[in-house]
């Protein structure tokens, strides 16, 4: 569990460092009150919804960790399923905050 927490912390630090050049994204996320996270359209182990629509997987856990760091609430995240073709366009356009 400690290794998972450390890995998530490092991933968060790397993500926030990458966003340092564009602090506006963090401000936008805080103002909106929710993180918009791009995920695959269903890749078991990375991001896939269960029968009740609850997302699970590594990518989902990273998004929840980021939301937890920003809002102190890992539930403040909206998952946006995207195809491999559309994910970078959605990130560049601001449709999603993180990928």
N, C-alpha and C. Protein backbone atom coordinates (compact mmCIF):
# COMPACT_ATOMS: atom_id res chain seq x y z
N UNK A 1 0.82 -1.20 0.00
CA UNK A 1 0.00 0.00 0.00
C UNK A 1 0.87 1.26 0.00
N UNK A 2 1.96 1.21 0.75
CA UNK A 2 2.85 2.37 0.79
C UNK A 2 3.48 2.62 -0.58
N UNK A 3 3.79 1.55 -1.30
CA UNK A 3 4.37 1.70 -2.63
C UNK A 3 3.37 2.32 -3.59
N UNK A 4 2.11 1.91 -3.48
CA UNK A 4 1.07 2.47 -4.34
C UNK A 4 0.91 3.95 -4.05
N UNK A 5 0.89 4.31 -2.77
CA UNK A 5 0.76 5.72 -2.39
C UNK A 5 1.95 6.52 -2.90
N UNK A 6 3.15 5.96 -2.79
CA UNK A 6 4.34 6.64 -3.28
C UNK A 6 4.28 6.81 -4.79
N UNK A 7 3.86 5.75 -5.49
CA UNK A 7 3.75 5.83 -6.95
C UNK A 7 2.74 6.89 -7.37
N UNK A 8 1.61 6.92 -6.69
CA UNK A 8 0.60 7.93 -7.02
C UNK A 8 1.09 9.33 -6.71
N UNK A 9 1.81 9.48 -5.61
CA UNK A 9 2.36 10.79 -5.27
C UNK A 9 3.37 11.24 -6.32
N UNK A 10 4.22 10.33 -6.76
CA UNK A 10 5.20 10.67 -7.80
C UNK A 10 4.51 11.01 -9.11
N UNK A 11 3.47 10.24 -9.45
CA UNK A 11 2.72 10.52 -10.68
C UNK A 11 2.07 11.89 -10.60
N UNK A 12 1.50 12.19 -9.43
CA UNK A 12 0.87 13.50 -9.24
C UNK A 12 1.91 14.61 -9.35
N UNK A 13 3.05 14.41 -8.71
CA UNK A 13 4.10 15.43 -8.77
C UNK A 13 4.56 15.65 -10.20
N UNK A 14 4.72 14.57 -10.95
CA UNK A 14 5.14 14.70 -12.35
C UNK A 14 4.08 15.42 -13.16
N UNK A 15 2.82 15.08 -12.92
CA UNK A 15 1.73 15.73 -13.64
C UNK A 15 1.63 17.21 -13.31
N UNK A 16 1.77 17.54 -12.04
CA UNK A 16 1.68 18.94 -11.65
C UNK A 16 2.89 19.73 -12.13
N UNK A 17 4.05 19.08 -12.16
CA UNK A 17 5.24 19.76 -12.69
C UNK A 17 5.05 20.07 -14.16
N UNK A 18 4.48 19.12 -14.89
CA UNK A 18 4.23 19.34 -16.31
C UNK A 18 3.23 20.47 -16.51
N UNK A 19 2.32 20.62 -15.58
CA UNK A 19 1.31 21.66 -15.69
C UNK A 19 1.79 23.01 -15.17
N UNK A 20 2.97 23.07 -14.57
CA UNK A 20 3.45 24.32 -14.00
C UNK A 20 3.50 25.43 -15.04
N UNK A 21 3.83 25.07 -16.28
CA UNK A 21 3.88 26.08 -17.34
C UNK A 21 2.50 26.61 -17.66
N UNK A 22 1.48 25.85 -17.34
CA UNK A 22 0.11 26.27 -17.63
C UNK A 22 -0.72 26.20 -16.36
N UNK A 23 -0.42 27.10 -15.41
CA UNK A 23 -1.14 27.12 -14.14
C UNK A 23 -2.62 27.44 -14.33
N UNK A 24 -2.98 27.95 -15.48
CA UNK A 24 -4.38 28.26 -15.76
C UNK A 24 -5.24 27.00 -15.71
N UNK A 25 -4.69 25.87 -16.12
CA UNK A 25 -5.45 24.62 -16.08
C UNK A 25 -5.86 24.29 -14.65
N UNK A 26 -4.94 24.41 -13.72
CA UNK A 26 -5.27 24.13 -12.32
C UNK A 26 -6.32 25.09 -11.80
N UNK A 27 -6.20 26.35 -12.17
CA UNK A 27 -7.20 27.34 -11.74
C UNK A 27 -8.57 26.99 -12.32
N UNK A 28 -8.60 26.59 -13.59
CA UNK A 28 -9.86 26.20 -14.24
C UNK A 28 -10.49 25.01 -13.53
N UNK A 29 -9.67 24.02 -13.19
CA UNK A 29 -10.17 22.83 -12.49
C UNK A 29 -10.75 23.22 -11.14
N UNK A 30 -10.02 24.04 -10.40
CA UNK A 30 -10.50 24.47 -9.08
C UNK A 30 -11.79 25.27 -9.20
N UNK A 31 -11.86 26.17 -10.17
CA UNK A 31 -13.07 26.98 -10.35
C UNK A 31 -14.26 26.10 -10.73
N UNK A 32 -14.04 25.09 -11.55
CA UNK A 32 -15.10 24.17 -11.97
C UNK A 32 -15.54 23.27 -10.82
N UNK A 33 -14.61 22.96 -9.92
CA UNK A 33 -14.93 22.11 -8.79
C UNK A 33 -14.86 20.62 -9.10
N UNK A 34 -14.27 20.28 -10.24
CA UNK A 34 -14.18 18.88 -10.64
C UNK A 34 -13.07 18.73 -11.68
N UNK A 35 -12.35 17.60 -11.60
CA UNK A 35 -11.32 17.27 -12.57
C UNK A 35 -11.95 16.49 -13.71
N UNK A 36 -11.65 16.87 -14.93
CA UNK A 36 -12.13 16.15 -16.11
C UNK A 36 -10.98 15.28 -16.61
N UNK A 37 -11.19 13.97 -16.55
CA UNK A 37 -10.12 13.03 -16.83
C UNK A 37 -10.45 12.17 -18.05
N UNK A 38 -9.58 12.22 -19.05
CA UNK A 38 -9.76 11.38 -20.23
C UNK A 38 -9.27 9.97 -19.97
N UNK A 39 -10.10 8.99 -20.29
CA UNK A 39 -9.76 7.58 -20.10
C UNK A 39 -10.07 6.82 -21.40
N UNK A 40 -9.52 5.63 -21.51
CA UNK A 40 -9.84 4.81 -22.68
C UNK A 40 -11.30 4.39 -22.60
N UNK A 41 -11.80 3.88 -23.68
CA UNK A 41 -13.22 3.53 -23.74
C UNK A 41 -13.51 2.18 -23.10
N UNK A 42 -12.59 1.63 -22.39
CA UNK A 42 -12.79 0.38 -21.71
C UNK A 42 -11.64 -0.57 -21.94
N UNK A 43 -10.57 -0.39 -21.19
CA UNK A 43 -9.40 -1.24 -21.29
C UNK A 43 -9.14 -1.81 -19.90
N UNK A 44 -9.57 -3.06 -19.67
CA UNK A 44 -9.44 -3.66 -18.33
C UNK A 44 -8.04 -3.51 -17.76
N UNK A 45 -8.00 -3.11 -16.50
CA UNK A 45 -6.74 -2.86 -15.82
C UNK A 45 -6.32 -1.41 -15.87
N UNK A 46 -6.78 -0.68 -16.87
CA UNK A 46 -6.44 0.74 -17.00
C UNK A 46 -7.65 1.62 -16.77
N UNK A 47 -8.71 1.37 -17.48
CA UNK A 47 -9.95 2.13 -17.27
C UNK A 47 -11.11 1.37 -17.91
N UNK A 48 -12.03 0.96 -17.07
CA UNK A 48 -13.22 0.29 -17.57
C UNK A 48 -14.35 0.44 -16.56
N UNK A 49 -15.56 0.67 -17.05
CA UNK A 49 -16.70 0.79 -16.14
C UNK A 49 -17.22 -0.61 -15.78
N UNK A 50 -17.72 -0.74 -14.55
CA UNK A 50 -18.34 -2.00 -14.16
C UNK A 50 -19.81 -1.98 -14.54
N UNK A 51 -20.57 -2.96 -14.09
CA UNK A 51 -21.99 -3.06 -14.43
C UNK A 51 -22.81 -1.85 -13.97
N UNK A 52 -22.33 -1.17 -12.93
CA UNK A 52 -23.06 -0.03 -12.37
C UNK A 52 -22.52 1.31 -12.88
N UNK A 53 -21.56 1.25 -13.80
CA UNK A 53 -21.00 2.48 -14.36
C UNK A 53 -19.87 3.07 -13.54
N UNK A 54 -19.39 2.35 -12.52
CA UNK A 54 -18.27 2.82 -11.71
C UNK A 54 -16.97 2.46 -12.41
N UNK A 55 -16.13 3.46 -12.64
CA UNK A 55 -14.88 3.25 -13.35
C UNK A 55 -13.83 2.66 -12.42
N UNK A 56 -13.02 1.71 -12.95
CA UNK A 56 -11.93 1.10 -12.20
C UNK A 56 -10.71 0.99 -13.10
N UNK A 57 -9.54 0.86 -12.48
CA UNK A 57 -8.30 0.67 -13.22
C UNK A 57 -7.23 1.66 -12.81
N UNK A 58 -6.03 1.44 -13.30
CA UNK A 58 -4.88 2.26 -12.94
C UNK A 58 -5.06 3.72 -13.35
N UNK A 59 -5.49 3.97 -14.58
CA UNK A 59 -5.70 5.35 -15.04
C UNK A 59 -6.75 6.05 -14.19
N UNK A 60 -7.78 5.33 -13.84
CA UNK A 60 -8.86 5.86 -13.00
C UNK A 60 -8.32 6.21 -11.61
N UNK A 61 -7.48 5.32 -11.06
CA UNK A 61 -6.90 5.57 -9.74
C UNK A 61 -6.01 6.80 -9.73
N UNK A 62 -5.26 7.00 -10.81
CA UNK A 62 -4.40 8.20 -10.91
C UNK A 62 -5.27 9.45 -10.94
N UNK A 63 -6.34 9.42 -11.70
CA UNK A 63 -7.24 10.58 -11.76
C UNK A 63 -7.86 10.87 -10.39
N UNK A 64 -8.26 9.83 -9.70
CA UNK A 64 -8.83 10.02 -8.36
C UNK A 64 -7.79 10.57 -7.39
N UNK A 65 -6.53 10.14 -7.54
CA UNK A 65 -5.47 10.66 -6.68
C UNK A 65 -5.25 12.15 -6.93
N UNK A 66 -5.28 12.55 -8.19
CA UNK A 66 -5.12 13.98 -8.53
C UNK A 66 -6.29 14.78 -7.96
N UNK A 67 -7.51 14.28 -8.13
CA UNK A 67 -8.68 14.96 -7.58
C UNK A 67 -8.60 15.04 -6.06
N UNK A 68 -8.11 13.97 -5.45
CA UNK A 68 -7.93 13.97 -4.00
C UNK A 68 -6.92 15.01 -3.54
N UNK A 69 -5.85 15.18 -4.32
CA UNK A 69 -4.84 16.18 -3.98
C UNK A 69 -5.36 17.60 -4.16
N UNK A 70 -6.16 17.81 -5.18
CA UNK A 70 -6.67 19.15 -5.45
C UNK A 70 -7.82 19.52 -4.53
N UNK A 71 -8.78 18.61 -4.38
CA UNK A 71 -10.02 18.92 -3.67
C UNK A 71 -10.16 18.21 -2.32
N UNK A 72 -9.20 17.36 -1.98
CA UNK A 72 -9.31 16.53 -0.79
C UNK A 72 -10.53 15.62 -0.88
N UNK A 73 -10.91 15.27 -2.10
CA UNK A 73 -12.06 14.41 -2.36
C UNK A 73 -11.84 13.67 -3.68
N UNK A 74 -11.48 12.39 -3.62
CA UNK A 74 -11.20 11.65 -4.85
C UNK A 74 -12.42 11.43 -5.74
N UNK A 75 -13.59 11.73 -5.25
CA UNK A 75 -14.81 11.55 -6.05
C UNK A 75 -15.08 12.73 -6.98
N UNK A 76 -14.35 13.81 -6.82
CA UNK A 76 -14.58 15.00 -7.65
C UNK A 76 -13.85 14.89 -8.97
N UNK A 77 -14.20 13.85 -9.72
CA UNK A 77 -13.60 13.62 -11.02
C UNK A 77 -14.67 13.12 -11.97
N UNK A 78 -14.61 13.63 -13.19
CA UNK A 78 -15.53 13.20 -14.26
C UNK A 78 -14.69 12.45 -15.28
N UNK A 79 -15.08 11.21 -15.57
CA UNK A 79 -14.34 10.39 -16.52
C UNK A 79 -14.95 10.56 -17.91
N UNK A 80 -14.09 10.89 -18.87
CA UNK A 80 -14.51 11.10 -20.25
C UNK A 80 -13.87 10.01 -21.11
N UNK A 81 -14.66 9.02 -21.55
CA UNK A 81 -14.09 7.97 -22.40
C UNK A 81 -13.76 8.50 -23.79
N UNK A 82 -12.53 8.22 -24.22
CA UNK A 82 -12.05 8.72 -25.51
C UNK A 82 -11.34 7.62 -26.28
N UNK A 83 -11.40 7.70 -27.59
CA UNK A 83 -10.65 6.77 -28.43
C UNK A 83 -9.20 7.23 -28.49
N UNK A 84 -8.32 6.35 -28.90
CA UNK A 84 -6.90 6.70 -29.03
C UNK A 84 -6.72 7.87 -30.01
N UNK A 85 -7.56 7.93 -31.01
CA UNK A 85 -7.49 8.98 -32.02
C UNK A 85 -7.85 10.35 -31.45
N UNK A 86 -8.80 10.38 -30.52
CA UNK A 86 -9.34 11.65 -30.03
C UNK A 86 -8.71 12.18 -28.75
N UNK A 87 -7.94 11.36 -28.04
CA UNK A 87 -7.53 11.76 -26.69
C UNK A 87 -6.61 12.98 -26.65
N UNK A 88 -5.66 13.09 -27.55
CA UNK A 88 -4.75 14.24 -27.49
C UNK A 88 -5.42 15.52 -27.99
N UNK A 89 -6.33 15.38 -28.94
CA UNK A 89 -7.10 16.54 -29.39
C UNK A 89 -7.96 17.08 -28.25
N UNK A 90 -8.57 16.18 -27.49
CA UNK A 90 -9.40 16.59 -26.36
C UNK A 90 -8.56 17.28 -25.28
N UNK A 91 -7.35 16.80 -25.06
CA UNK A 91 -6.48 17.42 -24.09
C UNK A 91 -6.03 18.80 -24.55
N UNK A 92 -5.64 18.94 -25.80
CA UNK A 92 -5.20 20.22 -26.34
C UNK A 92 -6.32 21.25 -26.37
N UNK A 93 -7.55 20.80 -26.63
CA UNK A 93 -8.67 21.72 -26.73
C UNK A 93 -9.21 22.12 -25.37
N UNK A 94 -8.81 21.43 -24.32
CA UNK A 94 -9.32 21.75 -22.98
C UNK A 94 -10.59 21.01 -22.63
N UNK A 95 -11.01 20.08 -23.49
CA UNK A 95 -12.20 19.27 -23.18
C UNK A 95 -11.96 18.43 -21.93
N UNK A 96 -10.71 17.98 -21.76
CA UNK A 96 -10.31 17.27 -20.56
C UNK A 96 -9.10 17.98 -19.95
N UNK A 97 -8.88 17.74 -18.66
CA UNK A 97 -7.78 18.39 -17.96
C UNK A 97 -6.52 17.54 -17.92
N UNK A 98 -6.72 16.23 -17.88
CA UNK A 98 -5.60 15.30 -17.75
C UNK A 98 -5.91 14.04 -18.51
N UNK A 99 -4.88 13.37 -18.95
CA UNK A 99 -5.04 12.15 -19.74
C UNK A 99 -4.21 11.06 -19.13
